Amino acid sequence: MAQTSSGTDVQRPTFFEGQILSAADLTTTVDHARNHAARHDRYLHEWGIAEGLTLVAEPRTEPSGAVTVTLRPGVAVDGTGREILVPAPVTLSETQFGETVGSGSSPADRHPVLLAGLDREPVATGLLDDTGADRIDESYQVLFRRAGDERLVAEQVPPAVGDGPGDGTEPWLILIGYVTWRDDHFTAVTTTGPVPVRYAGVRADTVAARSGALALRARPEPAQGGSVLTVADSTGLTFGRFRADGSVDPLLVVTPDGDLTVRGSGAQRPGTTSVASGVATDGMVLPLPAGVDETRVTNGATLLHITVTPQSSGVAPATDGVWLPGTVDCSVDEDRRLRCRIRWLRVDASGPQWHDLPGAASFLVLATTAEAGEGSAA
């Protein structure tokens, strides 16, 4: 038998034919969906700025050094799961700042600018009568605090598990930037401070891509020079930078077989190291790491450090009995050609027998750009 709860604070409204619906019934219907969405945003996502909400400073003609600070439109999700929408640009009030923070502040101080959700007083639309309101304005408020108060953002306590979104009576503070102040005017804006601006994220232990390839990039849109990390069934793990045409210039690649290739973009600087690894068989020429020029290896401008390790497994002679392998030779010549010979030994009543056969070895090639006066090594 399953253990069930006796009830929770979460109840889903249901209806039946002929039921007379009250205002409370309809409000419960709205609250159920709203609270469900808030818990989703609170526990499957990290709160913060989702889009926009940047502070922009525009120089003023007078007084000298003063700027007008504007909050651009955007969306944020606070720690209660409440969505906060700023639909249009907002000019920050110097009067409000002066009354709240301005007195006694230093021109060097960076004062936090905070955003919080706020349910405003209901406004009657007059659709029914003038005695009741049928709307709530899910609005916001911009708050100013003194330098150092940005640390309050990290000390906020999330609501209980079953609670819905906050209504603003206890504002959940979202840091959107900092302003500086002198002579009763804003002088600059920045996102740099003791506490960084926080952006919305995702909580997940598993991220799965339906296309067979997953990409993580540092910016919302691909841009030339931007970093990107991809994981794909076909190519493995790749780290690189976007080219102008949107393709990726790979700098580090780990193939599905575990082979590693590392390189730098452009000409190698002294001390730069690139890596190639994999498995080779007897007679194969070991490859150079991607981006390493053969000519630079030949003239000693790039040093090679090569390690080879014989594989313990292999194909034994096609005869009966138990054969034990042993390495006769595992080395690399001047042309980077692998010499790998495995001696297979069997001992029985007729005496020892052995066969020398080609083998395989794992390899690691490190290519380092030499300093002046150095030569090649292997």
Protein backbone atom coordinates (compact mmCIF):
# COMPACT_ATOMS: atom_id res chain seq x y z
CA MET A 1 0.00 0.00 0.00
CA ALA A 2 1.21 3.50 -0.82
CA GLN A 3 1.58 6.14 1.84
CA THR A 4 -0.44 9.24 0.96
CA SER A 5 -0.67 12.66 2.54
CA SER A 6 -3.75 13.85 4.36
CA GLY A 7 -3.76 17.04 2.31
CA THR A 8 -1.60 19.98 1.27
CA ASP A 9 -1.99 23.69 0.89
CA VAL A 10 -2.13 23.25 -2.89
CA GLN A 11 -5.67 22.64 -4.10
CA ARG A 12 -6.80 22.58 -7.71
CA PRO A 13 -10.29 24.00 -8.23
CA THR A 14 -12.88 21.88 -10.02
CA PHE A 15 -16.35 22.77 -11.24
CA PHE A 16 -19.65 21.07 -11.97
CA GLU A 17 -22.65 21.87 -14.13
CA GLY A 18 -24.98 24.42 -12.62
CA GLN A 19 -22.47 25.59 -10.04
CA ILE A 20 -22.74 29.22 -8.99
CA LEU A 21 -19.24 30.66 -9.08
CA SER A 22 -18.15 33.23 -6.55
CA ALA A 23 -15.32 35.72 -6.87
CA ALA A 24 -13.25 33.48 -4.57
CA ASP A 25 -13.71 30.51 -6.94
CA LEU A 26 -12.39 32.48 -9.90
CA THR A 27 -9.53 33.96 -7.89
CA THR A 28 -8.52 30.47 -6.73
CA THR A 29 -8.39 29.35 -10.36
CA VAL A 30 -6.03 32.17 -11.27
CA ASP A 31 -3.89 31.70 -8.14
CA HIS A 32 -3.45 27.96 -8.75
CA ALA A 33 -1.86 28.50 -12.16
CA ARG A 34 0.14 31.51 -10.98
CA ASN A 35 1.54 29.72 -7.93
CA HIS A 36 2.42 26.67 -10.03
CA ALA A 37 4.40 28.85 -12.45
CA ALA A 38 6.16 30.62 -9.58
CA ARG A 39 7.33 27.36 -7.99
CA HIS A 40 8.61 26.21 -11.38
CA ASP A 41 10.61 29.41 -11.87
CA ARG A 42 11.86 29.32 -8.27
CA TYR A 43 13.13 25.74 -8.18
CA LEU A 44 13.99 24.89 -11.79
CA HIS A 45 15.66 28.22 -12.47
CA GLU A 46 18.05 30.61 -10.76
CA TRP A 47 16.55 34.03 -10.11
CA GLY A 48 17.94 37.17 -11.71
CA ILE A 49 17.74 39.28 -14.86
CA ALA A 50 16.36 37.34 -17.82
CA GLU A 51 16.47 40.05 -20.50
CA GLY A 52 17.42 43.73 -20.71
CA LEU A 53 17.20 45.87 -17.55
CA THR A 54 20.49 47.63 -18.22
CA LEU A 55 21.32 51.07 -16.83
CA VAL A 56 22.39 53.61 -19.44
CA ALA A 57 24.03 56.97 -18.73
CA GLU A 58 23.60 59.87 -21.16
CA PRO A 59 25.77 63.00 -20.64
CA ARG A 60 23.97 66.24 -19.89
CA THR A 61 24.96 69.67 -21.11
CA GLU A 62 24.72 71.00 -17.58
CA PRO A 63 25.76 70.77 -14.91
CA SER A 64 29.19 69.59 -16.01
CA GLY A 65 29.80 65.87 -15.40
CA ALA A 66 26.15 65.04 -14.72
CA VAL A 67 24.34 62.24 -16.57
CA THR A 68 20.76 61.14 -17.04
CA VAL A 69 20.35 57.49 -16.03
CA THR A 70 17.76 55.36 -17.79
CA LEU A 71 16.65 51.81 -17.01
CA ARG A 72 15.98 49.97 -20.25
CA PRO A 73 13.00 47.63 -20.64
CA GLY A 74 13.38 43.99 -19.68
CA VAL A 75 12.27 41.03 -17.62
CA ALA A 76 13.54 39.53 -14.38
CA VAL A 77 12.46 36.68 -12.10
CA ASP A 78 12.90 37.18 -8.38
CA GLY A 79 13.62 34.62 -5.65
CA THR A 80 9.92 34.03 -5.01
CA GLY A 81 9.36 33.04 -8.64
CA ARG A 82 7.63 36.31 -9.48
CA GLU A 83 8.12 37.69 -12.98
CA ILE A 84 8.95 41.39 -13.05
CA LEU A 85 8.28 43.23 -16.29
CA VAL A 86 9.56 46.71 -17.10
CA PRO A 87 7.78 47.40 -20.41
CA ALA A 88 9.23 50.83 -21.23
CA PRO A 89 12.37 52.89 -20.47
CA VAL A 90 12.40 54.51 -17.02
CA THR A 91 14.40 57.60 -16.11
CA LEU A 92 15.84 57.25 -12.61
CA SER A 93 14.73 59.96 -10.22
CA GLU A 94 17.50 62.14 -8.80
CA THR A 95 14.99 63.54 -6.33
CA GLN A 96 14.21 60.09 -4.97
CA PHE A 97 17.91 59.21 -4.80
CA GLY A 98 18.78 62.45 -3.03
CA GLU A 99 16.07 61.93 -0.41
CA THR A 100 17.01 58.26 0.13
CA VAL A 101 20.79 58.13 -0.20
CA GLY A 102 22.34 61.36 -1.47
CA SER A 103 23.25 63.15 1.74
CA GLY A 104 26.71 62.37 3.04
CA SER A 105 27.76 60.18 0.10
CA SER A 106 31.20 60.33 -1.47
CA PRO A 107 31.72 60.83 -5.25
CA ALA A 108 33.69 57.57 -5.23
CA ASP A 109 30.87 55.53 -3.69
CA ARG A 110 29.03 53.05 -5.91
CA HIS A 111 25.42 52.96 -4.78
CA PRO A 112 23.33 49.88 -5.68
CA VAL A 113 20.22 50.29 -7.80
CA LEU A 114 17.66 47.58 -7.04
CA LEU A 115 14.51 46.31 -8.72
CA ALA A 116 11.61 44.62 -6.92
CA GLY A 117 8.12 43.46 -7.82
CA LEU A 118 5.13 45.27 -6.35
CA ASP A 119 1.36 44.65 -6.42
CA ARG A 120 -0.21 48.08 -6.58
CA GLU A 121 -3.59 49.05 -5.24
CA PRO A 122 -6.42 47.63 -7.34
CA VAL A 123 -7.92 50.01 -9.83
CA ALA A 124 -11.61 49.75 -10.63
CA THR A 125 -12.36 49.60 -14.35
CA GLY A 126 -16.02 50.48 -14.02
CA LEU A 127 -17.13 47.44 -15.97
CA LEU A 128 -19.50 46.41 -13.18
CA ASP A 129 -19.78 49.28 -10.71
CA ASP A 130 -17.62 51.69 -8.77
CA THR A 131 -17.54 49.68 -5.56
CA GLY A 132 -15.06 46.95 -6.43
CA ALA A 133 -11.77 46.54 -8.31
CA ASP A 134 -11.32 43.78 -10.86
CA ARG A 135 -7.61 44.21 -11.63
CA ILE A 136 -4.28 44.16 -9.75
CA ASP A 137 -1.34 45.98 -11.27
CA GLU A 138 1.64 43.59 -11.18
CA SER A 139 4.12 46.44 -11.21
CA TYR A 140 7.65 47.11 -9.97
CA GLN A 141 9.65 49.58 -7.95
CA VAL A 142 13.18 50.93 -8.33
CA LEU A 143 15.01 51.28 -5.02
CA PHE A 144 18.24 53.02 -4.08
CA ARG A 145 20.56 52.00 -1.27
CA ARG A 146 23.84 53.23 0.16
CA ALA A 147 27.18 51.77 -0.89
CA GLY A 148 27.64 48.43 0.87
CA ASP A 149 23.93 47.62 1.10
CA GLU A 150 24.23 45.50 -2.05
CA ARG A 151 25.28 42.67 0.27
CA LEU A 152 21.66 42.51 1.44
CA VAL A 153 20.86 40.84 -1.89
CA ALA A 154 22.76 37.69 -0.91
CA GLU A 155 21.12 37.52 2.52
CA GLN A 156 17.53 37.17 1.30
CA VAL A 157 15.57 34.12 2.48
CA PRO A 158 13.41 32.25 -0.06
CA PRO A 159 9.74 31.55 0.75
CA ALA A 160 8.33 28.25 1.95
CA VAL A 161 8.17 25.43 -0.58
CA GLY A 162 4.45 25.66 -1.19
CA ASP A 163 4.20 29.45 -1.37
CA GLY A 164 3.35 31.37 -4.50
CA PRO A 165 5.06 34.52 -5.76
CA GLY A 166 5.63 37.50 -3.49
CA ASP A 167 3.40 40.56 -3.65
CA GLY A 168 6.07 43.14 -2.87
CA THR A 169 5.15 43.79 0.78
CA GLU A 170 8.54 42.25 1.57
CA PRO A 171 10.48 43.23 -1.58
CA TRP A 172 12.82 40.69 -3.11
CA LEU A 173 15.76 42.80 -4.24
CA ILE A 174 17.37 42.28 -7.65
CA LEU A 175 20.60 44.21 -8.22
CA ILE A 176 20.62 45.86 -11.67
CA GLY A 177 23.71 48.08 -11.35
CA TYR A 178 25.44 50.90 -9.50
CA VAL A 179 25.40 54.70 -9.78
CA THR A 180 27.78 57.39 -8.56
CA TRP A 181 26.59 60.73 -7.22
CA ARG A 182 28.01 64.22 -6.83
CA ASP A 183 26.46 67.63 -6.18
CA ASP A 184 22.89 66.32 -6.29
CA HIS A 185 23.29 64.60 -9.67
CA PHE A 186 24.14 61.17 -11.09
CA THR A 187 27.63 61.07 -12.60
CA ALA A 188 28.06 57.50 -13.92
CA VAL A 189 26.68 53.95 -14.00
CA THR A 190 28.45 50.59 -13.81
CA THR A 191 27.73 46.90 -13.29
CA THR A 192 31.02 46.41 -11.46
CA GLY A 193 30.92 46.34 -7.68
CA PRO A 194 31.46 44.18 -4.60
CA VAL A 195 28.38 42.14 -5.60
CA PRO A 196 27.93 41.37 -9.33
CA VAL A 197 24.71 41.82 -11.24
CA ARG A 198 22.90 38.48 -11.24
CA TYR A 199 21.34 36.88 -14.31
CA ALA A 200 18.71 34.15 -14.48
CA GLY A 201 19.91 30.58 -14.90
CA VAL A 202 18.84 26.94 -14.93
CA ARG A 203 18.99 24.24 -12.25
CA ALA A 204 19.54 20.82 -13.84
CA ASP A 205 21.49 17.65 -13.17
CA THR A 206 20.98 16.46 -16.74
CA VAL A 207 20.92 18.52 -19.93
CA ALA A 208 20.02 16.52 -23.04
CA ALA A 209 20.08 17.70 -26.65
CA ARG A 210 17.56 16.21 -29.07
CA SER A 211 19.70 17.02 -32.14
CA GLY A 212 22.73 15.05 -30.90
CA ALA A 213 24.75 18.22 -30.28
CA LEU A 214 24.75 20.58 -27.29
CA ALA A 215 26.35 24.05 -27.38
CA LEU A 216 27.26 26.37 -24.51
CA ARG A 217 28.26 29.90 -25.47
CA ALA A 218 29.20 32.94 -23.43
CA ARG A 219 26.75 35.34 -25.14
CA PRO A 220 23.10 35.07 -26.22
CA GLU A 221 24.05 35.39 -29.90
CA PRO A 222 27.13 33.97 -31.68
CA ALA A 223 29.69 36.71 -32.31
CA GLN A 224 33.13 36.61 -33.90
CA GLY A 225 35.73 35.75 -31.27
CA GLY A 226 33.14 34.56 -28.74
CA SER A 227 33.82 31.36 -26.83
CA VAL A 228 31.73 28.22 -27.37
CA LEU A 229 31.82 24.69 -25.96
CA THR A 230 30.03 21.91 -27.85
CA VAL A 231 29.36 18.25 -27.08
CA ALA A 232 28.29 16.16 -30.06
CA ASP A 233 27.90 12.46 -30.81
CA SER A 234 29.92 12.80 -34.01
CA THR A 235 32.85 15.00 -32.91
CA GLY A 236 33.01 14.68 -29.12
CA LEU A 237 33.86 17.71 -26.99
CA THR A 238 35.09 20.88 -28.71
CA PHE A 239 36.11 24.24 -27.30
CA GLY A 240 36.71 27.08 -29.73
CA ARG A 241 35.81 30.56 -30.89
CA PHE A 242 33.26 31.73 -33.43
CA ARG A 243 34.50 32.84 -36.82
CA ALA A 244 32.88 35.74 -38.68
CA ASP A 245 30.69 33.33 -40.69
CA GLY A 246 29.33 31.67 -37.53
CA SER A 247 31.42 28.50 -37.78
CA VAL A 248 33.68 27.41 -34.92
CA ASP A 249 37.47 27.54 -34.94
CA PRO A 250 38.35 24.55 -32.69
CA LEU A 251 41.10 25.11 -30.13
CA LEU A 252 40.60 21.97 -28.03
CA VAL A 253 39.01 18.72 -29.23
CA VAL A 254 38.43 15.45 -27.41
CA THR A 255 37.09 12.87 -29.87
CA PRO A 256 34.57 10.15 -28.90
CA ASP A 257 37.56 7.74 -28.83
CA GLY A 258 39.39 9.91 -26.30
CA ASP A 259 41.98 11.41 -28.66
CA LEU A 260 43.03 14.90 -27.59
CA THR A 261 44.06 17.82 -29.80
CA VAL A 262 45.01 21.21 -28.38
CA ARG A 263 46.21 24.22 -30.28
CA GLY A 264 46.40 28.00 -30.10
CA SER A 265 45.02 30.33 -32.72
CA GLY A 266 47.48 32.11 -34.99
CA ALA A 267 51.26 31.81 -34.82
CA GLN A 268 52.66 29.94 -31.85
CA ARG A 269 54.44 32.11 -29.31
CA PRO A 270 57.56 30.94 -27.47
CA GLY A 271 56.56 28.46 -24.79
CA THR A 272 53.20 27.62 -26.41
CA THR A 273 52.40 23.90 -26.19
CA SER A 274 50.08 21.88 -28.40
CA VAL A 275 49.07 18.26 -27.85
CA ALA A 276 48.09 15.28 -30.00
CA SER A 277 47.31 11.81 -28.67
CA GLY A 278 45.86 8.51 -29.81
CA VAL A 279 46.78 4.94 -30.74
CA ALA A 280 49.10 3.97 -33.60
CA THR A 281 50.28 0.66 -35.03
CA ASP A 282 53.76 -0.43 -36.10
CA GLY A 283 54.96 1.55 -39.12
CA MET A 284 52.61 4.52 -38.73
CA VAL A 285 53.93 8.09 -38.67
CA LEU A 286 52.70 9.88 -35.57
CA PRO A 287 50.68 13.02 -36.38
CA LEU A 288 51.62 16.50 -35.31
CA PRO A 289 49.19 18.47 -33.16
CA ALA A 290 46.75 20.62 -35.10
CA GLY A 291 48.24 23.94 -36.14
CA VAL A 292 51.88 22.77 -35.83
CA ASP A 293 53.90 23.34 -39.01
CA GLU A 294 56.19 20.53 -40.22
CA THR A 295 58.77 23.02 -41.43
CA ARG A 296 59.09 24.57 -37.97
CA VAL A 297 59.72 21.10 -36.55
CA THR A 298 62.40 20.41 -39.13
CA ASN A 299 64.30 23.65 -38.51
CA GLY A 300 64.04 23.31 -34.74
CA ALA A 301 61.65 26.22 -34.16
CA THR A 302 59.20 23.78 -32.58
CA LEU A 303 60.33 21.13 -30.11
CA LEU A 304 58.66 17.71 -30.01
CA HIS A 305 58.37 15.60 -26.88
CA ILE A 306 56.99 12.16 -27.72
CA THR A 307 55.93 9.37 -25.38
CA VAL A 308 54.80 5.94 -26.60
CA THR A 309 53.40 3.10 -24.48
CA PRO A 310 52.87 -0.40 -25.91
CA GLN A 311 49.34 -1.80 -25.72
CA SER A 312 49.05 -4.83 -23.45
CA SER A 313 46.54 -6.53 -25.72
CA GLY A 314 47.01 -7.73 -29.26
CA VAL A 315 46.53 -10.56 -31.70
CA ALA A 316 48.37 -13.71 -30.61
CA PRO A 317 49.80 -16.22 -33.10
CA ALA A 318 47.06 -18.33 -34.63
CA THR A 319 48.08 -21.58 -32.97
CA ASP A 320 46.86 -23.51 -29.97
CA GLY A 321 48.04 -22.83 -26.45
CA VAL A 322 48.40 -19.87 -24.15
CA TRP A 323 50.65 -17.11 -25.47
CA LEU A 324 52.13 -14.40 -23.27
CA PRO A 325 53.07 -11.04 -24.82
CA GLY A 326 56.23 -9.06 -24.16
CA THR A 327 57.60 -5.90 -25.75
CA VAL A 328 60.68 -6.24 -27.96
CA ASP A 329 60.73 -2.65 -29.25
CA CYS A 330 58.52 0.42 -28.81
CA SER A 331 60.20 3.54 -30.15
CA VAL A 332 59.94 6.37 -32.66
CA ASP A 333 62.52 7.17 -35.32
CA GLU A 334 63.55 10.59 -36.68
CA ASP A 335 60.57 10.61 -39.02
CA ARG A 336 58.18 9.98 -36.09
CA ARG A 337 57.51 6.50 -37.43
CA LEU A 338 56.47 4.06 -34.74
CA ARG A 339 58.42 0.83 -34.29
CA CYS A 340 56.43 -1.52 -32.11
CA ARG A 341 57.19 -5.25 -32.02
CA ILE A 342 55.56 -7.65 -29.58
CA ARG A 343 57.15 -11.04 -28.77
CA TRP A 344 54.59 -13.75 -28.08
CA LEU A 345 55.98 -16.61 -25.96
CA ARG A 346 54.54 -20.06 -25.34
CA VAL A 347 56.17 -22.72 -23.15
CA ASP A 348 55.05 -26.35 -23.26
CA ALA A 349 56.56 -29.85 -23.14
CA SER A 350 58.23 -29.35 -26.52
CA GLY A 351 60.08 -26.29 -25.29
CA PRO A 352 59.65 -22.52 -25.65
CA GLN A 353 58.25 -21.02 -28.85
CA TRP A 354 58.03 -17.36 -29.75
CA HIS A 355 56.86 -15.13 -32.56
CA ASP A 356 57.66 -11.43 -33.07
CA LEU A 357 54.62 -9.60 -34.46
CA PRO A 358 53.72 -5.94 -35.15
CA GLY A 359 52.03 -4.23 -32.20
CA ALA A 360 50.17 -1.06 -31.28
CA ALA A 361 51.01 1.73 -28.86
CA SER A 362 49.30 4.75 -27.38
CA PHE A 363 51.15 7.98 -28.07
CA LEU A 364 51.37 11.52 -26.76
CA VAL A 365 53.00 14.26 -28.86
CA LEU A 366 53.76 17.61 -27.18
CA ALA A 367 54.85 20.39 -29.53
CA THR A 368 56.44 23.42 -27.83
CA THR A 369 57.61 26.56 -29.62
CA ALA A 370 61.29 26.86 -28.85
CA GLU A 371 63.06 29.84 -27.37
CA ALA A 372 65.94 31.27 -29.37
CA GLY A 373 68.92 28.91 -29.47
CA GLU A 374 67.01 25.72 -28.59
CA GLY A 375 66.91 22.66 -30.81
CA SER A 376 64.49 19.81 -31.35
CA ALA A 377 64.11 16.85 -29.02
CA ALA A 378 62.18 13.59 -29.02
